[in-house]
Protein backbone atom coordinates (compact mmCIF):
# COMPACT_ATOMS: atom_id res chain seq x y z
CA MET A 1 110.38 60.84 132.84
CA ASN A 2 110.55 61.90 129.21
CA GLY A 3 107.22 60.16 128.58
CA LYS A 4 105.52 62.23 131.28
CA ILE A 5 106.91 65.44 129.83
CA MET A 6 105.74 64.49 126.34
CA VAL A 7 102.24 63.69 127.63
CA PHE A 8 102.13 66.99 129.52
CA LEU A 9 103.34 69.00 126.52
CA SER A 10 100.93 67.35 124.11
CA GLY A 11 98.04 67.97 126.53
CA ALA A 12 99.05 71.61 126.96
CA ILE A 13 99.28 72.09 123.19
CA CYS A 14 95.85 70.54 122.75
CA LEU A 15 94.33 72.83 125.39
CA LEU A 16 95.94 75.91 123.87
CA SER A 17 94.81 75.04 120.37
CA CYS A 18 91.27 74.27 121.52
CA SER A 19 90.93 77.55 123.42
CA ALA A 20 92.41 79.53 120.53
CA ALA A 21 89.84 78.19 118.06
CA GLU A 22 87.02 80.51 117.09
CA GLN A 23 83.74 79.82 118.83
CA GLU A 24 80.24 80.96 117.94
CA VAL A 25 78.79 83.76 120.02
CA GLN A 26 75.46 82.67 121.49
CA TRP A 27 72.59 85.13 121.00
CA GLN A 28 71.98 85.39 124.75
CA ASP A 29 75.61 86.58 125.16
CA ILE A 30 75.00 89.70 123.03
CA TRP A 31 74.00 92.77 125.05
CA ASP A 32 72.57 96.09 123.88
CA PHE A 33 72.07 94.85 120.31
CA ARG A 34 71.45 97.58 117.73
CA VAL A 35 70.79 97.40 114.00
CA ALA A 36 70.52 100.06 111.32
CA ALA A 37 69.60 99.02 107.79
CA ASN A 38 69.90 101.37 104.86
CA GLY A 39 70.07 100.82 101.12
CA THR A 40 73.42 99.08 100.72
CA GLU A 41 74.66 98.41 104.24
CA VAL A 42 73.52 96.96 107.55
CA GLU A 43 75.27 98.18 110.70
CA ILE A 44 75.13 96.04 113.83
CA GLY A 45 76.38 97.00 117.25
CA GLY A 46 76.40 95.84 120.84
CA LEU A 47 78.61 94.18 123.44
CA LEU A 48 79.62 90.63 124.26
CA GLY A 49 78.38 89.59 127.68
CA ASN A 50 81.59 87.67 128.43
CA SER A 51 84.36 90.21 129.05
CA ALA A 52 87.04 87.54 128.60
CA MET A 53 86.08 87.10 124.94
CA GLY A 54 86.31 89.35 121.88
CA VAL A 55 84.71 89.38 118.44
CA SER A 56 87.11 87.70 116.01
CA GLY A 57 84.96 87.56 112.89
CA ILE A 58 81.56 87.45 111.30
CA LYS A 59 79.91 85.09 108.83
CA THR A 60 77.08 86.40 106.69
CA ARG A 61 74.64 85.04 104.14
CA PHE A 62 72.12 87.09 102.16
CA ASP A 63 69.22 85.27 100.50
CA ARG A 64 68.32 87.37 97.47
CA GLN A 65 65.01 85.59 96.97
CA SER A 66 63.60 86.21 100.45
CA GLY A 67 65.60 89.32 101.35
CA GLU A 68 66.84 87.67 104.56
CA LEU A 69 70.28 88.48 105.97
CA ASN A 70 71.73 85.90 108.37
CA PHE A 71 74.84 86.64 110.40
CA LEU A 72 76.92 84.78 112.96
CA LEU A 73 79.57 86.33 115.20
CA LEU A 74 82.72 84.42 116.12
CA GLN A 75 84.76 84.95 119.29
CA LYS A 76 88.23 84.31 120.69
CA PRO A 77 89.84 85.23 124.00
CA ALA A 78 89.99 89.02 124.27
CA GLY A 79 93.26 90.84 124.06
CA ARG A 80 94.94 93.50 121.99
CA ARG A 81 93.55 92.06 118.80
CA TYR A 82 89.96 91.21 119.83
CA SER A 83 87.47 93.38 121.70
CA GLY A 84 84.07 92.67 123.23
CA ARG A 85 82.62 95.63 121.33
CA ILE A 86 80.43 94.66 118.37
CA SER A 87 80.63 97.11 115.49
CA GLU A 88 80.18 95.55 112.06
CA LYS A 89 79.11 96.88 108.68
CA ILE A 90 77.65 94.30 106.31
CA PRO A 91 77.25 95.19 102.63
CA VAL A 92 73.95 94.07 101.09
CA PRO A 93 72.65 94.30 97.50
CA TYR A 94 69.38 95.88 98.68
CA PRO A 95 67.69 96.59 102.04
CA PRO A 96 66.89 93.34 103.86
CA VAL A 97 63.36 92.34 104.78
CA LYS A 98 64.51 90.35 107.81
CA ILE A 99 67.76 89.87 109.77
CA THR A 100 68.41 86.59 111.58
CA TYR A 101 71.19 85.37 113.86
CA GLY A 102 73.06 82.08 113.98
CA LYS A 103 72.44 78.60 112.71
CA ALA A 104 68.95 78.61 114.24
CA ALA A 105 68.15 81.76 112.19
CA GLN A 106 66.54 83.54 115.15
CA THR A 107 64.81 86.71 113.92
CA VAL A 108 66.48 89.77 115.48
CA TRP A 109 65.07 92.47 113.20
CA GLN A 110 62.28 92.73 110.65
CA ARG A 111 61.36 95.61 108.38
CA PRO A 112 58.09 97.15 109.57
CA SER A 113 55.25 96.27 107.24
CA GLU A 114 53.81 99.20 105.37
CA LYS A 115 50.56 100.40 106.85
CA ALA A 116 47.70 99.37 104.67
CA ALA A 117 46.11 102.28 102.88
CA LYS A 118 42.55 103.00 103.93
CA PRO A 119 40.03 102.31 101.20
CA LEU A 120 38.83 105.39 99.38
CA SER A 121 35.31 106.42 100.25
CA ASP A 122 32.91 106.92 97.38
CA GLY A 123 30.93 109.39 99.46
CA LEU A 124 28.00 107.09 100.17
């Protein structure tokens, strides 16, 4: 009898610890995504598509050479501490050229290219 209880308890602990671990938010689970990039900060917003989960953290990486900002949202079961609302401010050293999401670095925003200036006419 004690063996069955121990097996049950160890299984329950394993399930609880596995479900409490942070998981990556998949891009397709982000709704109403918004981004605003200014000189020293990038603001991202939106909602998680799974109402049972909440944003628990964010991982970021800024490549100074290419100007690319990559971010990855992490999630845990929603509750008092975690909400499905996405509202993050990411400090950057200068305005990014491109913003990507996740390990696959899917492009989610790119700075519009400057319109090429029309060549000056010499009047001929």
